[in-house]
N, C-alpha and C. Protein backbone atom coordinates (compact mmCIF):
# COMPACT_ATOMS: atom_id res chain seq x y z
N MET A 1 -8.23 -27.86 1.14
CA MET A 1 -7.96 -26.54 0.65
C MET A 1 -7.03 -25.82 1.64
N MET A 2 -5.94 -25.26 1.14
CA MET A 2 -4.97 -24.58 1.99
C MET A 2 -5.23 -23.09 2.00
N LEU A 3 -5.08 -22.54 3.16
CA LEU A 3 -5.24 -21.09 3.29
C LEU A 3 -3.88 -20.43 3.16
N ALA A 4 -3.83 -19.37 2.43
CA ALA A 4 -2.59 -18.62 2.30
C ALA A 4 -2.47 -17.66 3.48
N ILE A 5 -1.38 -17.77 4.19
CA ILE A 5 -1.16 -16.91 5.35
C ILE A 5 -0.23 -15.79 4.91
N THR A 6 -0.70 -14.60 5.05
CA THR A 6 0.13 -13.45 4.69
C THR A 6 0.81 -12.94 5.96
N PRO A 7 2.07 -12.56 5.86
CA PRO A 7 2.75 -12.05 7.06
C PRO A 7 2.16 -10.73 7.50
N LEU A 8 2.10 -10.55 8.78
CA LEU A 8 1.59 -9.30 9.32
C LEU A 8 2.67 -8.22 9.19
N ARG A 9 2.24 -7.06 8.82
CA ARG A 9 3.19 -5.95 8.73
C ARG A 9 3.20 -5.22 10.07
N THR A 10 4.39 -5.09 10.61
CA THR A 10 4.49 -4.45 11.93
C THR A 10 4.92 -2.99 11.83
N TYR A 11 5.16 -2.52 10.64
CA TYR A 11 5.56 -1.12 10.50
C TYR A 11 4.75 -0.50 9.38
N SER A 12 4.67 0.80 9.43
CA SER A 12 3.84 1.49 8.45
C SER A 12 4.63 1.77 7.18
N LYS A 13 3.92 2.27 6.18
CA LYS A 13 4.54 2.56 4.90
C LYS A 13 5.57 3.70 5.04
N ALA A 14 5.30 4.66 5.93
CA ALA A 14 6.23 5.79 6.10
C ALA A 14 7.56 5.30 6.66
N ILE A 15 7.53 4.37 7.59
CA ILE A 15 8.77 3.86 8.15
C ILE A 15 9.49 2.99 7.13
N ARG A 16 8.72 2.23 6.33
CA ARG A 16 9.32 1.37 5.32
C ARG A 16 10.09 2.19 4.29
N THR A 17 9.63 3.39 3.98
CA THR A 17 10.34 4.21 3.00
C THR A 17 11.65 4.73 3.56
N LEU A 18 11.76 4.83 4.90
CA LEU A 18 12.99 5.31 5.50
C LEU A 18 14.09 4.26 5.47
N LYS A 19 13.76 3.03 5.13
CA LYS A 19 14.78 2.00 5.09
C LYS A 19 15.68 2.14 3.88
N GLY A 20 15.30 2.90 2.91
CA GLY A 20 16.07 3.07 1.69
C GLY A 20 17.21 4.04 1.87
N LYS A 21 17.36 4.95 0.91
CA LYS A 21 18.50 5.86 0.95
C LYS A 21 18.35 6.99 1.97
N HIS A 22 17.15 7.21 2.47
CA HIS A 22 16.92 8.28 3.44
C HIS A 22 16.79 7.72 4.85
N ARG A 23 17.68 6.82 5.20
CA ARG A 23 17.63 6.22 6.54
C ARG A 23 17.94 7.25 7.61
N MET A 24 17.48 6.95 8.80
CA MET A 24 17.79 7.82 9.93
C MET A 24 19.23 7.56 10.36
N LYS A 25 19.92 8.61 10.77
CA LYS A 25 21.30 8.47 11.20
C LYS A 25 21.35 7.82 12.58
N THR A 26 22.45 7.10 12.84
CA THR A 26 22.61 6.52 14.17
C THR A 26 22.96 7.62 15.15
N ASN A 27 22.77 7.34 16.38
CA ASN A 27 23.03 8.31 17.43
C ASN A 27 24.54 8.55 17.54
N THR A 28 25.01 9.72 17.16
CA THR A 28 26.44 9.99 17.14
C THR A 28 27.02 10.13 18.53
N ARG A 29 26.21 10.58 19.50
CA ARG A 29 26.71 10.70 20.87
C ARG A 29 27.02 9.32 21.44
N PHE A 30 26.14 8.37 21.18
CA PHE A 30 26.38 7.02 21.67
C PHE A 30 27.59 6.41 20.98
N GLN A 31 27.73 6.64 19.69
CA GLN A 31 28.89 6.09 18.97
C GLN A 31 30.18 6.69 19.51
N SER A 32 30.18 7.99 19.81
CA SER A 32 31.39 8.60 20.35
C SER A 32 31.68 8.06 21.75
N PHE A 33 30.63 7.78 22.54
CA PHE A 33 30.84 7.19 23.86
C PHE A 33 31.44 5.80 23.72
N VAL A 34 30.92 5.01 22.79
CA VAL A 34 31.45 3.66 22.57
C VAL A 34 32.91 3.74 22.13
N THR A 35 33.23 4.69 21.26
CA THR A 35 34.61 4.86 20.81
C THR A 35 35.52 5.24 21.97
N ASP A 36 35.05 6.14 22.84
CA ASP A 36 35.85 6.53 24.00
C ASP A 36 36.09 5.36 24.95
N VAL A 37 35.06 4.52 25.14
CA VAL A 37 35.22 3.36 26.01
C VAL A 37 36.22 2.38 25.40
N LYS A 38 36.16 2.19 24.08
CA LYS A 38 37.11 1.30 23.42
C LYS A 38 38.53 1.81 23.56
N VAL A 39 38.73 3.11 23.39
CA VAL A 39 40.07 3.71 23.52
C VAL A 39 40.56 3.55 24.95
N ALA A 40 39.70 3.80 25.93
CA ALA A 40 40.10 3.65 27.34
C ALA A 40 40.43 2.19 27.64
N GLY A 41 39.67 1.27 27.08
CA GLY A 41 39.95 -0.14 27.29
C GLY A 41 41.28 -0.56 26.70
N ARG A 42 41.59 -0.05 25.51
CA ARG A 42 42.90 -0.36 24.90
C ARG A 42 44.04 0.22 25.72
N ALA A 43 43.87 1.45 26.21
CA ALA A 43 44.92 2.07 27.03
C ALA A 43 45.11 1.31 28.33
N PHE A 44 44.02 0.87 28.96
CA PHE A 44 44.12 0.09 30.19
C PHE A 44 44.82 -1.23 29.93
N THR A 45 44.49 -1.88 28.81
CA THR A 45 45.14 -3.15 28.46
C THR A 45 46.63 -2.97 28.24
N ARG A 46 47.01 -1.89 27.55
CA ARG A 46 48.43 -1.62 27.34
C ARG A 46 49.15 -1.36 28.65
N ALA A 47 48.50 -0.62 29.56
CA ALA A 47 49.12 -0.33 30.86
C ALA A 47 49.29 -1.61 31.68
N VAL A 48 48.29 -2.47 31.67
CA VAL A 48 48.40 -3.73 32.41
C VAL A 48 49.49 -4.61 31.82
N ASN A 49 49.58 -4.68 30.49
CA ASN A 49 50.62 -5.47 29.86
C ASN A 49 52.01 -4.93 30.19
N ALA A 50 52.16 -3.61 30.17
CA ALA A 50 53.45 -3.01 30.51
C ALA A 50 53.81 -3.29 31.97
N GLY A 51 52.82 -3.19 32.86
CA GLY A 51 53.07 -3.50 34.27
C GLY A 51 53.45 -4.96 34.48
N ALA A 52 52.78 -5.86 33.75
CA ALA A 52 53.10 -7.28 33.87
C ALA A 52 54.51 -7.57 33.37
N ARG A 53 54.91 -6.92 32.28
CA ARG A 53 56.27 -7.10 31.77
C ARG A 53 57.29 -6.57 32.76
N THR A 54 56.99 -5.43 33.39
CA THR A 54 57.90 -4.85 34.37
C THR A 54 58.04 -5.76 35.59
N LEU A 55 56.92 -6.28 36.08
CA LEU A 55 56.98 -7.19 37.23
C LEU A 55 57.70 -8.49 36.90
N ALA A 56 57.52 -8.97 35.68
CA ALA A 56 58.18 -10.22 35.29
C ALA A 56 59.70 -10.05 35.22
N ALA A 57 60.16 -8.82 34.99
CA ALA A 57 61.60 -8.57 34.88
C ALA A 57 62.27 -8.32 36.23
N GLN A 58 61.48 -8.16 37.30
CA GLN A 58 62.04 -7.84 38.61
C GLN A 58 62.54 -9.11 39.32
N SER A 59 63.48 -8.91 40.23
CA SER A 59 63.98 -10.03 41.03
C SER A 59 63.03 -10.28 42.21
N TRP A 60 63.20 -11.43 42.87
CA TRP A 60 62.31 -11.79 43.97
C TRP A 60 62.41 -10.84 45.15
N PRO A 61 63.59 -10.39 45.58
CA PRO A 61 63.64 -9.45 46.71
C PRO A 61 62.92 -8.13 46.42
N VAL A 62 63.04 -7.66 45.20
CA VAL A 62 62.36 -6.41 44.84
C VAL A 62 60.85 -6.61 44.88
N LEU A 63 60.39 -7.75 44.40
CA LEU A 63 58.96 -8.05 44.44
C LEU A 63 58.46 -8.16 45.88
N LEU A 64 59.28 -8.72 46.77
CA LEU A 64 58.90 -8.83 48.18
C LEU A 64 58.76 -7.45 48.81
N VAL A 65 59.73 -6.58 48.56
CA VAL A 65 59.67 -5.22 49.11
C VAL A 65 58.46 -4.48 48.54
N ALA A 66 58.20 -4.64 47.24
CA ALA A 66 57.05 -3.98 46.62
C ALA A 66 55.75 -4.49 47.22
N ALA A 67 55.68 -5.80 47.51
CA ALA A 67 54.47 -6.36 48.11
C ALA A 67 54.26 -5.81 49.53
N ILE A 68 55.33 -5.68 50.29
CA ILE A 68 55.22 -5.16 51.65
C ILE A 68 54.80 -3.69 51.64
N VAL A 69 55.40 -2.91 50.76
CA VAL A 69 55.04 -1.49 50.65
C VAL A 69 53.59 -1.34 50.22
N LEU A 70 53.16 -2.14 49.26
CA LEU A 70 51.76 -2.08 48.79
C LEU A 70 50.81 -2.48 49.91
N ALA A 71 51.17 -3.49 50.70
CA ALA A 71 50.33 -3.91 51.82
C ALA A 71 50.22 -2.80 52.85
N CYS A 72 51.33 -2.10 53.11
CA CYS A 72 51.29 -0.98 54.06
C CYS A 72 50.41 0.15 53.56
N ILE A 73 50.53 0.44 52.29
CA ILE A 73 49.72 1.52 51.71
C ILE A 73 48.24 1.18 51.77
N LEU A 74 47.92 -0.09 51.49
CA LEU A 74 46.51 -0.48 51.43
C LEU A 74 45.89 -0.74 52.79
N THR A 75 46.70 -0.91 53.85
CA THR A 75 46.12 -1.22 55.16
C THR A 75 46.37 -0.13 56.19
N ILE A 76 47.58 0.31 56.34
CA ILE A 76 47.92 1.22 57.44
C ILE A 76 47.39 2.63 57.20
N ILE A 77 47.54 3.14 56.01
CA ILE A 77 47.07 4.51 55.74
C ILE A 77 45.56 4.62 55.87
N PRO A 78 44.75 3.72 55.29
CA PRO A 78 43.30 3.84 55.52
C PRO A 78 42.92 3.66 56.99
N LEU A 79 43.64 2.81 57.71
CA LEU A 79 43.37 2.63 59.13
C LEU A 79 43.64 3.93 59.90
N ALA A 80 44.74 4.59 59.59
CA ALA A 80 45.07 5.85 60.26
C ALA A 80 44.02 6.93 59.96
N VAL A 81 43.61 7.02 58.71
CA VAL A 81 42.59 8.02 58.34
C VAL A 81 41.26 7.71 59.03
N THR A 82 40.89 6.43 59.06
CA THR A 82 39.64 6.04 59.71
C THR A 82 39.66 6.35 61.20
N LEU A 83 40.77 6.04 61.86
CA LEU A 83 40.87 6.35 63.29
C LEU A 83 40.84 7.84 63.55
N PHE A 84 41.49 8.63 62.69
CA PHE A 84 41.46 10.08 62.83
C PHE A 84 40.03 10.59 62.75
N ILE A 85 39.29 10.13 61.76
CA ILE A 85 37.90 10.58 61.60
C ILE A 85 37.04 10.11 62.77
N ALA A 86 37.26 8.88 63.24
CA ALA A 86 36.48 8.36 64.37
C ALA A 86 36.72 9.18 65.63
N PHE A 87 37.99 9.50 65.93
CA PHE A 87 38.26 10.30 67.12
C PHE A 87 37.77 11.73 66.98
N LEU A 88 37.80 12.27 65.78
CA LEU A 88 37.27 13.61 65.56
C LEU A 88 35.76 13.64 65.80
N VAL A 89 35.05 12.64 65.29
CA VAL A 89 33.61 12.56 65.52
C VAL A 89 33.32 12.35 67.01
N PHE A 90 34.13 11.50 67.67
CA PHE A 90 33.96 11.27 69.10
C PHE A 90 34.15 12.57 69.89
N LYS A 91 35.11 13.36 69.50
CA LYS A 91 35.36 14.64 70.17
C LYS A 91 34.16 15.57 70.04
N TYR A 92 33.61 15.67 68.83
CA TYR A 92 32.46 16.56 68.62
C TYR A 92 31.22 16.05 69.36
N VAL A 93 31.03 14.75 69.40
CA VAL A 93 29.88 14.19 70.13
C VAL A 93 30.04 14.44 71.63
N ALA A 94 31.24 14.23 72.15
CA ALA A 94 31.47 14.46 73.57
C ALA A 94 31.28 15.93 73.92
N ASN A 95 31.74 16.82 73.06
CA ASN A 95 31.54 18.25 73.31
C ASN A 95 30.06 18.62 73.25
N ALA A 96 29.32 17.99 72.38
CA ALA A 96 27.88 18.29 72.28
C ALA A 96 27.13 17.75 73.50
N ILE A 97 27.52 16.58 74.00
CA ILE A 97 26.82 15.98 75.14
C ILE A 97 27.14 16.72 76.43
N PHE A 98 28.40 16.99 76.70
CA PHE A 98 28.80 17.60 77.96
C PHE A 98 28.80 19.12 77.90
N ASP A 99 28.51 19.66 76.75
CA ASP A 99 28.37 21.11 76.55
C ASP A 99 29.59 21.86 77.06
N ARG A 100 30.74 21.40 76.69
CA ARG A 100 31.98 22.08 77.06
C ARG A 100 32.48 22.84 75.86
N ARG A 101 32.58 24.09 76.04
CA ARG A 101 33.11 24.94 74.99
C ARG A 101 34.58 25.21 75.30
N PRO A 102 35.41 25.36 74.27
CA PRO A 102 36.80 25.70 74.55
C PRO A 102 36.89 27.07 75.22
N ARG A 103 37.73 27.16 76.25
CA ARG A 103 37.89 28.43 76.95
C ARG A 103 38.73 29.37 76.12
N PRO A 104 38.40 30.64 76.12
CA PRO A 104 39.22 31.59 75.39
C PRO A 104 40.57 31.77 76.08
N VAL A 105 41.57 32.00 75.30
CA VAL A 105 42.92 32.17 75.83
C VAL A 105 43.05 33.60 76.35
N ALA A 106 43.52 33.71 77.59
CA ALA A 106 43.72 35.03 78.19
C ALA A 106 45.04 35.59 77.70
N HIS A 107 44.95 36.71 77.06
CA HIS A 107 46.17 37.36 76.54
C HIS A 107 46.70 38.34 77.59
N ARG A 108 47.99 38.31 77.79
CA ARG A 108 48.63 39.22 78.74
C ARG A 108 49.26 40.36 77.97
N ASP A 109 49.24 41.48 78.55
CA ASP A 109 49.92 42.61 77.93
C ASP A 109 51.40 42.52 78.26
N VAL A 110 52.18 42.36 77.25
CA VAL A 110 53.62 42.24 77.45
C VAL A 110 54.25 43.58 77.13
N GLU A 111 54.96 44.12 78.15
CA GLU A 111 55.61 45.42 77.91
C GLU A 111 57.04 45.37 78.34
């Protein structure tokens, strides 16, 4: 003798009625976010393609100069900023440890 197995219902009758014509709307904020991400992705792809076409059209000496300039921008400028901040912090720490305050400038009366 075989037993008939009935599927278990995991949702109630109230939720089942919402599956028809009175469905709940999707989250419009999330959909607009997804749309914005897609638009940004397409714009980024177009920009990368345009940049690749521009680089492909350049001569080798121009590409060499561009590579050197880009290397300088990516290495020397951050190094200079980092050293500036390091020496500034060192100055404040040294002033705090040795308790040296800047002396006021003596003004002379010029007549």
